[in-house]
Amino acid sequence: MSESDSRATWAASASLAGGISTEVERGRDELAALLAITLNVNGRLWHLEVDTRTSLLDALREHLRLTGTKKGCDHGQCGACTVLVNGRRINSCLALAVMHEDDEIVTIEGLGEPGDLHPVQAAFVECDGFQCGYCTPGQICSAVGMLTEVAAGWPSHVTADVSSRQITLSGEEIRERMSGNICRCAAYPNIVAAIRVIAQGAPE
């Protein structure tokens, strides 16, 4: 191959590489495009711009600075990020923020506040249902959602009579229904007791 042919080949390769690079950069710019959304969180409307890939968890923590909701595994396995959406508990790390524009979102900050605790929050304090406290917001939100499920007559894997809408919230039922929320400090007995205080009025 002559020197002129080599230069021509190099120039063509460089041009092709430049074109590919430009397309990649354009693709990245498109992926990084922000979308204006409105979220209803704790009874207040929040207007923000997010990357369409932003999780609800990151929107709450990084954009709205509602840091009560915790990031644990970021894979939907620990429950630390549990919030209530339209009254139902979800793992906010697995949900995209843009999916929940028309929903009512409640975080631990929206359940109660010092001096005016939600009954479940007060029960956790009374029964010492926490140690380090990192998982506690998710535990409490999950418990609130779970009690709503029980009131609606939703059976669990251990419910003896799935046809009955009257569910006895035994320790076994509570442990099964709360199994998606991990407490690495192992405060499980007191968490169960706190939930029973609300469900039945007394610990087991």
N, C-alpha and C. Protein backbone atom coordinates (compact mmCIF):
# COMPACT_ATOMS: atom_id res chain seq x y z
N MET A 1 0.86 -1.20 0.00
CA MET A 1 0.00 0.00 0.00
C MET A 1 0.89 1.24 0.00
N SER A 2 0.59 2.17 -0.86
CA SER A 2 1.41 3.38 -0.96
C SER A 2 1.14 4.29 0.23
N GLU A 3 2.03 5.27 0.37
CA GLU A 3 1.89 6.20 1.48
C GLU A 3 0.60 7.01 1.36
N SER A 4 0.22 7.38 0.13
CA SER A 4 -1.00 8.15 -0.07
C SER A 4 -2.23 7.32 0.27
N ASP A 5 -2.17 6.00 -0.08
CA ASP A 5 -3.30 5.12 0.25
C ASP A 5 -3.43 4.97 1.77
N SER A 6 -2.31 4.88 2.46
CA SER A 6 -2.32 4.74 3.91
C SER A 6 -2.94 5.96 4.57
N ARG A 7 -2.56 7.14 4.04
CA ARG A 7 -3.13 8.37 4.60
C ARG A 7 -4.63 8.44 4.37
N ALA A 8 -5.06 7.99 3.20
CA ALA A 8 -6.49 8.02 2.88
C ALA A 8 -7.27 7.07 3.79
N THR A 9 -6.67 5.89 4.02
CA THR A 9 -7.32 4.92 4.90
C THR A 9 -7.41 5.45 6.32
N TRP A 10 -6.33 6.06 6.80
CA TRP A 10 -6.32 6.63 8.15
C TRP A 10 -7.36 7.73 8.27
N ALA A 11 -7.46 8.58 7.25
CA ALA A 11 -8.42 9.69 7.29
C ALA A 11 -9.85 9.16 7.32
N ALA A 12 -10.11 8.11 6.53
CA ALA A 12 -11.46 7.53 6.50
C ALA A 12 -11.81 6.92 7.86
N SER A 13 -10.83 6.24 8.47
CA SER A 13 -11.06 5.61 9.77
C SER A 13 -11.32 6.67 10.84
N ALA A 14 -10.54 7.74 10.78
CA ALA A 14 -10.72 8.82 11.76
C ALA A 14 -12.08 9.46 11.61
N SER A 15 -12.49 9.65 10.35
CA SER A 15 -13.80 10.25 10.09
C SER A 15 -14.92 9.37 10.62
N LEU A 16 -14.79 8.05 10.40
CA LEU A 16 -15.80 7.11 10.87
C LEU A 16 -15.86 7.10 12.40
N ALA A 17 -14.67 7.08 13.01
CA ALA A 17 -14.62 7.08 14.47
C ALA A 17 -15.22 8.35 15.04
N GLY A 18 -14.93 9.47 14.38
CA GLY A 18 -15.51 10.74 14.82
C GLY A 18 -17.01 10.75 14.72
N GLY A 19 -17.52 10.14 13.63
CA GLY A 19 -18.97 10.08 13.46
C GLY A 19 -19.62 9.22 14.53
N ILE A 20 -19.00 8.09 14.84
CA ILE A 20 -19.53 7.20 15.88
C ILE A 20 -19.50 7.90 17.24
N SER A 21 -18.39 8.60 17.51
CA SER A 21 -18.26 9.31 18.78
C SER A 21 -19.35 10.36 18.93
N THR A 22 -19.62 11.07 17.84
CA THR A 22 -20.66 12.10 17.86
C THR A 22 -22.02 11.49 18.14
N GLU A 23 -22.30 10.34 17.52
CA GLU A 23 -23.58 9.68 17.74
C GLU A 23 -23.72 9.20 19.18
N VAL A 24 -22.62 8.69 19.73
CA VAL A 24 -22.65 8.24 21.13
C VAL A 24 -22.92 9.40 22.05
N GLU A 25 -22.24 10.52 21.82
CA GLU A 25 -22.44 11.70 22.65
C GLU A 25 -23.86 12.22 22.53
N ARG A 26 -24.41 12.20 21.30
CA ARG A 26 -25.78 12.64 21.10
C ARG A 26 -26.74 11.73 21.85
N GLY A 27 -26.45 10.42 21.82
CA GLY A 27 -27.29 9.47 22.54
C GLY A 27 -27.26 9.71 24.03
N ARG A 28 -26.07 10.02 24.54
CA ARG A 28 -25.94 10.30 25.97
C ARG A 28 -26.71 11.56 26.34
N ASP A 29 -26.63 12.57 25.49
CA ASP A 29 -27.35 13.80 25.76
C ASP A 29 -28.86 13.56 25.79
N GLU A 30 -29.34 12.71 24.87
CA GLU A 30 -30.76 12.43 24.85
C GLU A 30 -31.18 11.66 26.09
N LEU A 31 -30.35 10.71 26.53
CA LEU A 31 -30.67 9.94 27.72
C LEU A 31 -30.66 10.81 28.96
N ALA A 32 -29.81 11.82 28.94
CA ALA A 32 -29.68 12.69 30.10
C ALA A 32 -30.70 13.82 30.12
N ALA A 33 -31.60 13.85 29.17
CA ALA A 33 -32.60 14.91 29.10
C ALA A 33 -33.46 14.90 30.36
N LEU A 34 -33.74 16.07 30.89
CA LEU A 34 -34.54 16.18 32.10
C LEU A 34 -36.01 16.34 31.75
N LEU A 35 -36.84 15.82 32.63
CA LEU A 35 -38.28 15.90 32.43
C LEU A 35 -38.90 16.62 33.62
N ALA A 36 -39.75 17.59 33.34
CA ALA A 36 -40.44 18.31 34.42
C ALA A 36 -41.62 17.48 34.91
N ILE A 37 -41.65 17.21 36.22
CA ILE A 37 -42.74 16.44 36.80
C ILE A 37 -43.22 17.12 38.08
N THR A 38 -44.40 16.73 38.51
CA THR A 38 -44.96 17.20 39.77
C THR A 38 -45.30 15.99 40.63
N LEU A 39 -44.76 15.95 41.84
CA LEU A 39 -45.03 14.86 42.76
C LEU A 39 -45.82 15.37 43.95
N ASN A 40 -46.81 14.59 44.34
CA ASN A 40 -47.61 14.89 45.54
C ASN A 40 -47.04 14.07 46.69
N VAL A 41 -46.26 14.73 47.52
CA VAL A 41 -45.57 14.03 48.61
C VAL A 41 -45.99 14.65 49.94
N ASN A 42 -46.54 13.82 50.81
CA ASN A 42 -46.96 14.25 52.14
C ASN A 42 -47.93 15.43 52.08
N GLY A 43 -48.82 15.38 51.07
CA GLY A 43 -49.85 16.40 50.95
C GLY A 43 -49.40 17.70 50.33
N ARG A 44 -48.17 17.74 49.82
CA ARG A 44 -47.64 18.95 49.20
C ARG A 44 -47.19 18.64 47.79
N LEU A 45 -47.45 19.56 46.87
CA LEU A 45 -47.02 19.38 45.48
C LEU A 45 -45.60 19.93 45.31
N TRP A 46 -44.76 19.11 44.70
CA TRP A 46 -43.37 19.47 44.45
C TRP A 46 -43.12 19.46 42.94
N HIS A 47 -42.58 20.55 42.43
CA HIS A 47 -42.26 20.64 41.01
C HIS A 47 -40.75 20.49 40.85
N LEU A 48 -40.34 19.53 40.04
CA LEU A 48 -38.91 19.29 39.87
C LEU A 48 -38.63 18.76 38.48
N GLU A 49 -37.36 18.82 38.11
CA GLU A 49 -36.90 18.27 36.84
C GLU A 49 -35.95 17.13 37.15
N VAL A 50 -36.25 15.97 36.57
CA VAL A 50 -35.44 14.78 36.85
C VAL A 50 -35.07 14.07 35.56
N ASP A 51 -33.96 13.38 35.61
CA ASP A 51 -33.63 12.42 34.57
C ASP A 51 -34.72 11.35 34.60
N THR A 52 -35.16 10.92 33.45
CA THR A 52 -36.25 9.95 33.40
C THR A 52 -35.89 8.62 34.06
N ARG A 53 -34.60 8.41 34.31
CA ARG A 53 -34.17 7.17 34.97
C ARG A 53 -34.08 7.30 36.48
N THR A 54 -34.43 8.47 37.03
CA THR A 54 -34.32 8.71 38.46
C THR A 54 -35.35 7.87 39.22
N SER A 55 -34.89 7.15 40.22
CA SER A 55 -35.81 6.36 41.04
C SER A 55 -36.59 7.29 41.96
N LEU A 56 -37.74 6.80 42.41
CA LEU A 56 -38.53 7.58 43.37
C LEU A 56 -37.71 7.82 44.63
N LEU A 57 -36.93 6.85 45.04
CA LEU A 57 -36.08 7.00 46.22
C LEU A 57 -35.12 8.16 46.06
N ASP A 58 -34.43 8.23 44.92
CA ASP A 58 -33.47 9.30 44.70
C ASP A 58 -34.16 10.65 44.56
N ALA A 59 -35.35 10.65 43.97
CA ALA A 59 -36.10 11.91 43.87
C ALA A 59 -36.45 12.44 45.26
N LEU A 60 -36.87 11.54 46.14
CA LEU A 60 -37.21 11.95 47.50
C LEU A 60 -35.99 12.44 48.26
N ARG A 61 -34.90 11.68 48.18
CA ARG A 61 -33.73 11.99 48.98
C ARG A 61 -32.89 13.13 48.39
N GLU A 62 -32.58 13.03 47.10
CA GLU A 62 -31.63 13.95 46.48
C GLU A 62 -32.28 15.24 45.97
N HIS A 63 -33.52 15.17 45.56
CA HIS A 63 -34.19 16.35 45.01
C HIS A 63 -35.05 17.06 46.05
N LEU A 64 -35.78 16.30 46.85
CA LEU A 64 -36.69 16.91 47.83
C LEU A 64 -36.08 16.97 49.23
N ARG A 65 -34.93 16.34 49.42
CA ARG A 65 -34.23 16.33 50.70
C ARG A 65 -35.06 15.71 51.82
N LEU A 66 -35.92 14.76 51.46
CA LEU A 66 -36.67 14.00 52.45
C LEU A 66 -35.87 12.73 52.74
N THR A 67 -34.92 12.86 53.64
CA THR A 67 -33.93 11.80 53.84
C THR A 67 -34.35 10.76 54.88
N GLY A 68 -35.59 10.85 55.36
CA GLY A 68 -36.07 9.82 56.27
C GLY A 68 -36.14 8.47 55.59
N THR A 69 -36.51 8.47 54.31
CA THR A 69 -36.53 7.24 53.53
C THR A 69 -35.10 6.85 53.22
N LYS A 70 -34.71 5.62 53.59
CA LYS A 70 -33.30 5.24 53.52
C LYS A 70 -32.98 4.42 52.28
N LYS A 71 -31.75 4.55 51.84
CA LYS A 71 -31.22 3.71 50.76
C LYS A 71 -30.36 2.63 51.39
N GLY A 72 -30.83 1.39 51.28
CA GLY A 72 -30.09 0.27 51.85
C GLY A 72 -29.41 -0.52 50.75
N CYS A 73 -30.13 -1.49 50.20
CA CYS A 73 -29.54 -2.35 49.16
C CYS A 73 -29.66 -1.75 47.77
N ASP A 74 -30.66 -0.88 47.55
CA ASP A 74 -30.94 -0.30 46.24
C ASP A 74 -31.34 -1.37 45.21
N HIS A 75 -31.79 -2.52 45.69
CA HIS A 75 -32.21 -3.61 44.81
C HIS A 75 -33.57 -4.19 45.21
N GLY A 76 -34.29 -3.52 46.11
CA GLY A 76 -35.60 -3.98 46.50
C GLY A 76 -35.59 -5.18 47.42
N GLN A 77 -34.51 -5.40 48.14
CA GLN A 77 -34.39 -6.61 48.95
C GLN A 77 -34.41 -6.35 50.45
N CYS A 78 -34.22 -5.10 50.89
CA CYS A 78 -34.11 -4.86 52.33
C CYS A 78 -35.30 -4.11 52.92
N GLY A 79 -36.03 -3.35 52.11
CA GLY A 79 -37.21 -2.65 52.59
C GLY A 79 -36.94 -1.32 53.26
N ALA A 80 -35.68 -0.90 53.37
CA ALA A 80 -35.37 0.36 54.04
C ALA A 80 -35.99 1.57 53.33
N CYS A 81 -36.27 1.42 52.05
CA CYS A 81 -36.79 2.54 51.25
C CYS A 81 -38.32 2.53 51.13
N THR A 82 -39.00 1.72 51.95
CA THR A 82 -40.45 1.60 51.82
C THR A 82 -41.16 2.92 52.07
N VAL A 83 -42.07 3.26 51.15
CA VAL A 83 -42.96 4.40 51.30
C VAL A 83 -44.37 3.94 50.95
N LEU A 84 -45.34 4.81 51.18
CA LEU A 84 -46.72 4.50 50.84
C LEU A 84 -47.12 5.28 49.60
N VAL A 85 -47.66 4.58 48.61
CA VAL A 85 -48.16 5.22 47.39
C VAL A 85 -49.62 4.83 47.25
N ASN A 86 -50.48 5.82 47.34
CA ASN A 86 -51.93 5.59 47.33
C ASN A 86 -52.33 4.58 48.39
N GLY A 87 -51.66 4.66 49.54
CA GLY A 87 -51.98 3.80 50.67
C GLY A 87 -51.31 2.45 50.66
N ARG A 88 -50.62 2.10 49.58
CA ARG A 88 -49.97 0.80 49.49
C ARG A 88 -48.46 0.96 49.61
N ARG A 89 -47.83 0.00 50.27
CA ARG A 89 -46.39 0.08 50.49
C ARG A 89 -45.63 -0.41 49.25
N ILE A 90 -44.59 0.31 48.90
CA ILE A 90 -43.75 -0.07 47.78
C ILE A 90 -42.29 0.17 48.13
N ASN A 91 -41.41 -0.49 47.40
CA ASN A 91 -39.97 -0.21 47.50
C ASN A 91 -39.66 0.94 46.54
N SER A 92 -39.36 2.10 47.09
CA SER A 92 -39.17 3.27 46.23
C SER A 92 -37.90 3.19 45.40
N CYS A 93 -36.97 2.29 45.75
CA CYS A 93 -35.75 2.16 44.95
C CYS A 93 -36.03 1.46 43.62
N LEU A 94 -37.16 0.75 43.53
CA LEU A 94 -37.49 0.02 42.31
C LEU A 94 -38.50 0.76 41.43
N ALA A 95 -38.93 1.93 41.86
CA ALA A 95 -39.94 2.70 41.12
C ALA A 95 -39.32 3.95 40.53
N LEU A 96 -39.68 4.26 39.30
CA LEU A 96 -39.21 5.50 38.68
C LEU A 96 -40.09 6.66 39.15
N ALA A 97 -39.45 7.78 39.42
CA ALA A 97 -40.20 8.95 39.89
C ALA A 97 -41.27 9.38 38.89
N VAL A 98 -40.95 9.29 37.59
CA VAL A 98 -41.89 9.76 36.57
C VAL A 98 -43.15 8.91 36.51
N MET A 99 -43.14 7.73 37.13
CA MET A 99 -44.32 6.86 37.13
C MET A 99 -45.39 7.32 38.11
N HIS A 100 -45.04 8.23 39.02
CA HIS A 100 -45.93 8.51 40.15
C HIS A 100 -46.41 9.95 40.21
N GLU A 101 -46.55 10.58 39.07
CA GLU A 101 -47.01 11.97 39.06
C GLU A 101 -48.41 12.15 39.62
N ASP A 102 -49.32 11.23 39.36
CA ASP A 102 -50.70 11.39 39.79
C ASP A 102 -51.01 10.64 41.08
N ASP A 103 -49.98 10.21 41.79
CA ASP A 103 -50.18 9.41 42.98
C ASP A 103 -49.97 10.23 44.25
N GLU A 104 -50.55 9.73 45.34
CA GLU A 104 -50.33 10.33 46.65
C GLU A 104 -49.23 9.54 47.37
N ILE A 105 -48.11 10.19 47.60
CA ILE A 105 -46.94 9.54 48.18
C ILE A 105 -46.79 10.02 49.63
N VAL A 106 -46.61 9.07 50.52
CA VAL A 106 -46.39 9.40 51.94
C VAL A 106 -45.09 8.76 52.39
N THR A 107 -44.21 9.58 52.93
CA THR A 107 -42.95 9.10 53.50
C THR A 107 -43.05 9.14 55.02
N ILE A 108 -42.01 8.71 55.69
CA ILE A 108 -42.02 8.71 57.15
C ILE A 108 -42.25 10.12 57.69
N GLU A 109 -41.78 11.13 56.97
CA GLU A 109 -41.97 12.51 57.43
C GLU A 109 -43.44 12.92 57.41
N GLY A 110 -44.23 12.25 56.55
CA GLY A 110 -45.64 12.61 56.42
C GLY A 110 -46.56 11.85 57.35
N LEU A 111 -46.03 10.86 58.05
CA LEU A 111 -46.86 10.08 58.97
C LEU A 111 -47.10 10.80 60.29
N GLY A 112 -46.09 11.44 60.78
CA GLY A 112 -46.21 12.13 62.07
C GLY A 112 -45.00 13.00 62.30
N GLU A 113 -45.01 13.67 63.43
CA GLU A 113 -43.90 14.56 63.78
C GLU A 113 -43.75 14.57 65.29
N PRO A 114 -42.62 15.04 65.80
CA PRO A 114 -42.45 15.07 67.26
C PRO A 114 -43.60 15.78 67.94
N GLY A 115 -44.17 15.11 68.94
CA GLY A 115 -45.31 15.67 69.65
C GLY A 115 -46.64 15.25 69.05
N ASP A 116 -46.62 14.71 67.85
CA ASP A 116 -47.85 14.26 67.20
C ASP A 116 -47.53 13.04 66.34
N LEU A 117 -47.07 11.97 67.00
CA LEU A 117 -46.64 10.78 66.29
C LEU A 117 -47.83 9.99 65.75
N HIS A 118 -47.60 9.32 64.63
CA HIS A 118 -48.56 8.34 64.14
C HIS A 118 -48.63 7.21 65.17
N PRO A 119 -49.79 6.56 65.35
CA PRO A 119 -49.89 5.47 66.34
C PRO A 119 -48.82 4.39 66.17
N VAL A 120 -48.47 4.05 64.94
CA VAL A 120 -47.44 3.03 64.73
C VAL A 120 -46.08 3.56 65.18
N GLN A 121 -45.79 4.81 64.91
CA GLN A 121 -44.54 5.39 65.40
C GLN A 121 -44.49 5.35 66.92
N ALA A 122 -45.59 5.72 67.56
CA ALA A 122 -45.64 5.72 69.02
C ALA A 122 -45.46 4.32 69.58
N ALA A 123 -46.04 3.32 68.89
CA ALA A 123 -45.91 1.94 69.34
C ALA A 123 -44.47 1.45 69.23
N PHE A 124 -43.78 1.85 68.17
CA PHE A 124 -42.37 1.47 68.01
C PHE A 124 -41.53 2.06 69.15
N VAL A 125 -41.85 3.30 69.54
CA VAL A 125 -41.13 3.92 70.66
C VAL A 125 -41.45 3.18 71.95
N GLU A 126 -42.74 2.91 72.18
CA GLU A 126 -43.16 2.25 73.41
C GLU A 126 -42.56 0.86 73.56
N CYS A 127 -42.48 0.12 72.45
CA CYS A 127 -42.00 -1.26 72.49
C CYS A 127 -40.52 -1.39 72.18
N ASP A 128 -39.85 -0.24 72.00
CA ASP A 128 -38.42 -0.25 71.68
C ASP A 128 -38.16 -1.09 70.43
N GLY A 129 -38.95 -0.79 69.38
CA GLY A 129 -38.89 -1.58 68.15
C GLY A 129 -37.80 -1.16 67.19
N PHE A 130 -36.67 -0.75 67.71
CA PHE A 130 -35.54 -0.34 66.86
C PHE A 130 -34.27 -0.33 67.69
N GLN A 131 -33.13 -0.33 66.99
CA GLN A 131 -31.84 -0.16 67.67
C GLN A 131 -31.07 0.97 67.00
N CYS A 132 -30.40 0.68 65.87
CA CYS A 132 -29.66 1.77 65.21
C CYS A 132 -30.63 2.75 64.54
N GLY A 133 -31.80 2.27 64.14
CA GLY A 133 -32.81 3.15 63.57
C GLY A 133 -32.78 3.30 62.07
N TYR A 134 -31.77 2.73 61.41
CA TYR A 134 -31.65 2.95 59.97
C TYR A 134 -32.82 2.37 59.20
N CYS A 135 -33.26 1.18 59.60
CA CYS A 135 -34.36 0.54 58.87
C CYS A 135 -35.72 0.99 59.36
N THR A 136 -35.76 1.73 60.48
CA THR A 136 -37.03 2.02 61.15
C THR A 136 -38.04 2.77 60.29
N PRO A 137 -37.66 3.79 59.53
CA PRO A 137 -38.66 4.45 58.68
C PRO A 137 -39.35 3.49 57.72
N GLY A 138 -38.57 2.60 57.10
CA GLY A 138 -39.15 1.62 56.21
C GLY A 138 -40.01 0.62 56.95
N GLN A 139 -39.58 0.20 58.14
CA GLN A 139 -40.36 -0.72 58.95
C GLN A 139 -41.72 -0.11 59.31
N ILE A 140 -41.71 1.15 59.70
CA ILE A 140 -42.95 1.81 60.12
C ILE A 140 -43.89 2.01 58.93
N CYS A 141 -43.36 2.49 57.81
CA CYS A 141 -44.21 2.67 56.63
C CYS A 141 -44.78 1.33 56.17
N SER A 142 -43.95 0.29 56.22
CA SER A 142 -44.41 -1.03 55.82
C SER A 142 -45.49 -1.53 56.76
N ALA A 143 -45.32 -1.29 58.07
CA ALA A 143 -46.32 -1.72 59.04
C ALA A 143 -47.65 -1.02 58.82
N VAL A 144 -47.61 0.26 58.52
CA VAL A 144 -48.84 1.01 58.25
C VAL A 144 -49.55 0.44 57.03
N GLY A 145 -48.79 0.19 55.97
CA GLY A 145 -49.37 -0.40 54.77
C GLY A 145 -49.90 -1.80 55.01
N MET A 146 -49.16 -2.57 55.80
CA MET A 146 -49.57 -3.94 56.10
C MET A 146 -50.87 -3.98 56.88
N LEU A 147 -51.02 -3.10 57.86
CA LEU A 147 -52.25 -3.06 58.64
C LEU A 147 -53.45 -2.69 57.77
N THR A 148 -53.22 -1.87 56.77
CA THR A 148 -54.29 -1.54 55.83
C THR A 148 -54.68 -2.77 55.00
N GLU A 149 -53.68 -3.55 54.61
CA GLU A 149 -53.94 -4.79 53.86
C GLU A 149 -54.76 -5.77 54.70
N VAL A 150 -54.41 -5.88 55.97
CA VAL A 150 -55.14 -6.79 56.87
C VAL A 150 -56.58 -6.33 57.03
N ALA A 151 -56.76 -5.02 57.20
CA ALA A 151 -58.11 -4.48 57.36
C ALA A 151 -58.96 -4.74 56.12
N ALA A 152 -58.30 -4.80 54.95
CA ALA A 152 -59.02 -5.07 53.70
C ALA A 152 -59.27 -6.56 53.48
N GLY A 153 -58.73 -7.40 54.37
CA GLY A 153 -58.94 -8.84 54.26
C GLY A 153 -58.02 -9.55 53.30
N TRP A 154 -56.86 -8.96 53.02
CA TRP A 154 -55.92 -9.61 52.10
C TRP A 154 -55.16 -10.71 52.83
N PRO A 155 -55.23 -11.94 52.35
CA PRO A 155 -54.51 -13.04 53.01
C PRO A 155 -53.02 -12.99 52.70
N SER A 156 -52.25 -13.69 53.52
CA SER A 156 -50.82 -13.84 53.28
C SER A 156 -50.52 -15.30 53.02
N HIS A 157 -49.26 -15.63 52.88
CA HIS A 157 -48.84 -17.01 52.63
C HIS A 157 -49.19 -17.93 53.79
N VAL A 158 -49.29 -17.38 55.01
CA VAL A 158 -49.54 -18.23 56.18
C VAL A 158 -50.97 -18.11 56.71
N THR A 159 -51.82 -17.34 56.03
CA THR A 159 -53.22 -17.22 56.47
C THR A 159 -53.91 -18.57 56.37
N ALA A 160 -54.51 -19.01 57.49
CA ALA A 160 -55.14 -20.34 57.53
C ALA A 160 -56.36 -20.43 56.62
N ASP A 161 -57.21 -19.42 56.65
CA ASP A 161 -58.44 -19.43 55.86
C ASP A 161 -58.42 -18.24 54.89
N VAL A 162 -57.99 -18.48 53.68
CA VAL A 162 -57.84 -17.38 52.72
C VAL A 162 -59.18 -16.85 52.24
N SER A 163 -60.27 -17.56 52.51
CA SER A 163 -61.59 -17.10 52.09
C SER A 163 -62.21 -16.13 53.09
N SER A 164 -61.66 -16.08 54.30
CA SER A 164 -62.19 -15.22 55.34
C SER A 164 -61.57 -13.84 55.26
N ARG A 165 -62.40 -12.82 55.42
CA ARG A 165 -61.89 -11.45 55.43
C ARG A 165 -61.51 -11.01 56.84
N GLN A 166 -61.77 -11.85 57.83
CA GLN A 166 -61.39 -11.57 59.21
C GLN A 166 -60.07 -12.30 59.50
N ILE A 167 -59.00 -11.55 59.49
CA ILE A 167 -57.67 -12.15 59.65
C ILE A 167 -57.15 -11.90 61.06
N THR A 168 -56.78 -12.97 61.73
CA THR A 168 -56.17 -12.85 63.05
C THR A 168 -54.69 -12.52 62.87
N LEU A 169 -54.31 -11.38 63.37
CA LEU A 169 -52.93 -10.93 63.15
C LEU A 169 -52.03 -11.51 64.24
N SER A 170 -51.69 -12.77 64.08
CA SER A 170 -50.81 -13.46 65.02
C SER A 170 -49.37 -13.03 64.78
N GLY A 171 -48.51 -13.49 65.68
CA GLY A 171 -47.09 -13.21 65.49
C GLY A 171 -46.58 -13.78 64.18
N GLU A 172 -47.07 -14.98 63.83
CA GLU A 172 -46.66 -15.61 62.58
C GLU A 172 -47.09 -14.78 61.38
N GLU A 173 -48.33 -14.27 61.43
CA GLU A 173 -48.83 -13.43 60.34
C GLU A 173 -47.99 -12.17 60.19
N ILE A 174 -47.70 -11.55 61.31
CA ILE A 174 -46.92 -10.31 61.25
C ILE A 174 -45.53 -10.57 60.68
N ARG A 175 -44.88 -11.61 61.15
CA ARG A 175 -43.53 -11.91 60.66
C ARG A 175 -43.53 -12.20 59.16
N GLU A 176 -44.53 -12.92 58.69
CA GLU A 176 -44.63 -13.21 57.26
C GLU A 176 -44.86 -11.93 56.46
N ARG A 177 -45.79 -11.12 56.92
CA ARG A 177 -46.15 -9.91 56.18
C ARG A 177 -45.05 -8.84 56.23
N MET A 178 -44.21 -8.89 57.24
CA MET A 178 -43.12 -7.92 57.36
C MET A 178 -41.79 -8.50 56.91
N SER A 179 -41.81 -9.66 56.28
CA SER A 179 -40.56 -10.34 55.93
C SER A 179 -39.75 -9.60 54.86
N GLY A 180 -40.35 -8.67 54.17
CA GLY A 180 -39.62 -7.90 53.18
C GLY A 180 -38.82 -6.75 53.77
N ASN A 181 -38.93 -6.55 55.07
CA ASN A 181 -38.20 -5.48 55.75
C ASN A 181 -37.17 -6.10 56.69
N ILE A 182 -35.90 -5.90 56.36
CA ILE A 182 -34.81 -6.50 57.12
C ILE A 182 -34.33 -5.54 58.21
N CYS A 183 -34.11 -6.09 59.40
CA CYS A 183 -33.49 -5.33 60.49
C CYS A 183 -32.19 -6.03 60.83
N ARG A 184 -31.08 -5.43 60.47
CA ARG A 184 -29.78 -6.07 60.71
C ARG A 184 -29.40 -6.05 62.19
N CYS A 185 -30.09 -5.23 63.00
CA CYS A 185 -29.86 -5.25 64.44
C CYS A 185 -30.71 -6.33 65.12
N ALA A 186 -31.59 -6.98 64.34
CA ALA A 186 -32.43 -8.08 64.85
C ALA A 186 -33.39 -7.64 65.94
N ALA A 187 -34.04 -6.51 65.72
CA ALA A 187 -35.05 -6.03 66.68
C ALA A 187 -36.43 -6.62 66.38
N TYR A 188 -36.47 -7.74 65.69
CA TYR A 188 -37.73 -8.31 65.23
C TYR A 188 -38.76 -8.57 66.33
N PRO A 189 -38.39 -9.15 67.48
CA PRO A 189 -39.42 -9.39 68.51
C PRO A 189 -40.15 -8.12 68.93
N ASN A 190 -39.40 -7.03 69.07
CA ASN A 190 -40.02 -5.77 69.49
C ASN A 190 -40.80 -5.11 68.36
N ILE A 191 -40.37 -5.34 67.12
CA ILE A 191 -41.13 -4.83 65.98
C ILE A 191 -42.49 -5.53 65.92
N VAL A 192 -42.48 -6.85 66.10
CA VAL A 192 -43.73 -7.61 66.12
C VAL A 192 -44.62 -7.14 67.26
N ALA A 193 -44.02 -6.92 68.43
CA ALA A 193 -44.79 -6.46 69.58
C ALA A 193 -45.42 -5.10 69.32
N ALA A 194 -44.68 -4.21 68.68
CA ALA A 194 -45.21 -2.87 68.38
C ALA A 194 -46.42 -2.95 67.45
N ILE A 195 -46.33 -3.80 66.46
CA ILE A 195 -47.44 -3.94 65.52
C ILE A 195 -48.65 -4.56 66.20
N ARG A 196 -48.41 -5.51 67.12
CA ARG A 196 -49.52 -6.12 67.85
C ARG A 196 -50.20 -5.12 68.77
N VAL A 197 -49.44 -4.17 69.29
CA VAL A 197 -50.04 -3.11 70.12
C VAL A 197 -51.11 -2.39 69.32
N ILE A 198 -50.83 -2.10 68.08
CA ILE A 198 -51.79 -1.38 67.24
C ILE A 198 -52.93 -2.30 66.82
N ALA A 199 -52.60 -3.54 66.44
CA ALA A 199 -53.60 -4.45 65.91
C ALA A 199 -54.54 -5.00 66.99
N GLN A 200 -53.99 -5.27 68.16
CA GLN A 200 -54.78 -5.97 69.18
C GLN A 200 -54.78 -5.28 70.54
N GLY A 201 -53.97 -4.27 70.69
CA GLY A 201 -54.00 -3.52 71.92
C GLY A 201 -53.02 -3.99 72.98
N ALA A 202 -52.30 -5.10 72.69
CA ALA A 202 -51.35 -5.59 73.69
C ALA A 202 -50.30 -6.44 73.01
N PRO A 203 -49.06 -6.42 73.51
CA PRO A 203 -48.02 -7.26 72.93
C PRO A 203 -48.26 -8.72 73.25
N GLU A 204 -47.68 -9.61 72.40
CA GLU A 204 -47.83 -11.04 72.58
C GLU A 204 -47.02 -11.52 73.77
